[in-house]
Amino acid sequence: MSMYRVKIKVKELSEERNWSLSELSRRSGVPYNTVRRYAMQPMAKIEIDPVSRIKDTFGCSWDELLELLGDGSFEE
């Protein structure tokens, strides 16, 4: 089974706009701890609602917000 993680580019997109993580939290309505967790490490699973709210707040595409990390190999 291949292992993928999703990197949510919260930190990069916030920095481009000169927003702190708390500013992103306030603007998006997503709890600060959730925003911080997304900024700190790639996730094995994501909840679509808060990620969608962050995407809408940035006004970006899914491709701009998410990066799929993994080796792409499959083990049987």
C-alpha atoms as a PDB file:
ATOM      1  CA  MET A   1       0.000   0.000   0.000  1.00  0.00           C
ATOM      2  CA  SER A   2       1.405   3.367  -0.897  1.00  0.00           C
ATOM      3  CA  MET A   3       1.573   6.078   1.709  1.00  0.00           C
ATOM      4  CA  TYR A   4       0.589   9.558   0.707  1.00  0.00           C
ATOM      5  CA  ARG A   5       0.297  12.675   2.762  1.00  0.00           C
ATOM      6  CA  VAL A   6      -1.275  15.973   1.842  1.00  0.00           C
ATOM      7  CA  LYS A   7       0.628  19.162   2.492  1.00  0.00           C
ATOM      8  CA  ILE A   8      -1.715  22.109   2.926  1.00  0.00           C
ATOM      9  CA  LYS A   9       0.279  25.192   1.930  1.00  0.00           C
ATOM     10  CA  VAL A  10      -1.105  27.324   4.742  1.00  0.00           C
ATOM     11  CA  LYS A  11       2.240  28.777   5.772  1.00  0.00           C
ATOM     12  CA  GLU A  12       3.369  29.675   2.246  1.00  0.00           C
ATOM     13  CA  LEU A  13       0.078  31.278   1.193  1.00  0.00           C
ATOM     14  CA  SER A  14      -0.220  33.182   4.481  1.00  0.00           C
ATOM     15  CA  GLU A  15       3.304  34.545   4.111  1.00  0.00           C
ATOM     16  CA  GLU A  16       2.562  35.698   0.532  1.00  0.00           C
ATOM     17  CA  ARG A  17      -0.293  37.803   1.942  1.00  0.00           C
ATOM     18  CA  ASN A  18       1.613  38.912   5.058  1.00  0.00           C
ATOM     19  CA  TRP A  19      -0.976  37.179   7.258  1.00  0.00           C
ATOM     20  CA  SER A  20      -0.207  35.438  10.509  1.00  0.00           C
ATOM     21  CA  LEU A  21      -1.811  32.064  11.159  1.00  0.00           C
ATOM     22  CA  SER A  22      -4.118  33.752  13.659  1.00  0.00           C
ATOM     23  CA  GLU A  23      -5.156  36.234  10.939  1.00  0.00           C
ATOM     24  CA  LEU A  24      -5.971  33.328   8.609  1.00  0.00           C
ATOM     25  CA  SER A  25      -7.940  31.687  11.417  1.00  0.00           C
ATOM     26  CA  ARG A  26      -9.922  34.868  12.012  1.00  0.00           C
ATOM     27  CA  ARG A  27     -10.623  35.472   8.316  1.00  0.00           C
ATOM     28  CA  SER A  28     -11.596  31.856   7.557  1.00  0.00           C
ATOM     29  CA  GLY A  29     -13.417  30.975  10.771  1.00  0.00           C
ATOM     30  CA  VAL A  30     -11.245  27.852  11.101  1.00  0.00           C
ATOM     31  CA  PRO A  31      -9.958  27.332  14.673  1.00  0.00           C
ATOM     32  CA  TYR A  32      -6.379  28.513  15.193  1.00  0.00           C
ATOM     33  CA  ASN A  33      -5.201  25.080  16.397  1.00  0.00           C
ATOM     34  CA  THR A  34      -6.483  23.509  13.169  1.00  0.00           C
ATOM     35  CA  VAL A  35      -4.791  26.144  11.005  1.00  0.00           C
ATOM     36  CA  ARG A  36      -1.561  25.685  12.964  1.00  0.00           C
ATOM     37  CA  ARG A  37      -1.684  21.888  12.650  1.00  0.00           C
ATOM     38  CA  TYR A  38      -2.175  22.192   8.873  1.00  0.00           C
ATOM     39  CA  ALA A  39       0.762  24.618   8.657  1.00  0.00           C
ATOM     40  CA  MET A  40       3.117  22.412  10.658  1.00  0.00           C
ATOM     41  CA  GLN A  41       2.939  18.998   9.043  1.00  0.00           C
ATOM     42  CA  PRO A  42       1.567  17.033   6.104  1.00  0.00           C
ATOM     43  CA  MET A  43      -1.647  15.201   6.923  1.00  0.00           C
ATOM     44  CA  ALA A  44      -2.664  11.595   6.213  1.00  0.00           C
ATOM     45  CA  LYS A  45      -6.311  12.705   6.142  1.00  0.00           C
ATOM     46  CA  ILE A  46      -7.932  16.092   5.820  1.00  0.00           C
ATOM     47  CA  GLU A  47     -11.381  17.349   6.681  1.00  0.00           C
ATOM     48  CA  ILE A  48     -12.845  18.972   3.597  1.00  0.00           C
ATOM     49  CA  ASP A  49     -14.906  21.698   5.317  1.00  0.00           C
ATOM     50  CA  PRO A  50     -12.092  23.610   7.083  1.00  0.00           C
ATOM     51  CA  VAL A  51      -9.726  23.103   4.145  1.00  0.00           C
ATOM     52  CA  SER A  52     -12.395  24.399   1.758  1.00  0.00           C
ATOM     53  CA  ARG A  53     -12.917  27.460   3.985  1.00  0.00           C
ATOM     54  CA  ILE A  54      -9.170  28.130   3.955  1.00  0.00           C
ATOM     55  CA  LYS A  55      -9.126  27.737   0.152  1.00  0.00           C
ATOM     56  CA  ASP A  56     -11.989  30.202  -0.225  1.00  0.00           C
ATOM     57  CA  THR A  57     -10.302  32.668   2.145  1.00  0.00           C
ATOM     58  CA  PHE A  58      -7.127  32.581   0.062  1.00  0.00           C
ATOM     59  CA  GLY A  59      -9.139  32.716  -3.170  1.00  0.00           C
ATOM     60  CA  CYS A  60      -6.881  30.058  -4.652  1.00  0.00           C
ATOM     61  CA  SER A  61      -7.321  26.768  -6.505  1.00  0.00           C
ATOM     62  CA  TRP A  62      -7.051  23.333  -4.928  1.00  0.00           C
ATOM     63  CA  ASP A  63      -3.781  22.850  -6.838  1.00  0.00           C
ATOM     64  CA  GLU A  64      -2.356  26.008  -5.290  1.00  0.00           C
ATOM     65  CA  LEU A  65      -3.409  24.948  -1.781  1.00  0.00           C
ATOM     66  CA  LEU A  66      -2.642  21.220  -1.722  1.00  0.00           C
ATOM     67  CA  GLU A  67       0.476  19.215  -2.499  1.00  0.00           C
ATOM     68  CA  LEU A  68       0.409  15.408  -2.595  1.00  0.00           C
ATOM     69  CA  LEU A  69       3.502  13.897  -1.000  1.00  0.00           C
ATOM     70  CA  GLY A  70       4.478  10.253  -1.365  1.00  0.00           C
ATOM     71  CA  ASP A  71       6.576   7.853  -3.361  1.00  0.00           C
ATOM     72  CA  GLY A  72       3.810   6.653  -5.682  1.00  0.00           C
ATOM     73  CA  SER A  73       4.787   3.031  -5.290  1.00  0.00           C
ATOM     74  CA  PHE A  74       2.414   0.234  -4.410  1.00  0.00           C
ATOM     75  CA  GLU A  75       3.300  -2.712  -2.213  1.00  0.00           C
ATOM     76  CA  GLU A  76       1.325  -5.919  -2.309  1.00  0.00           C
END
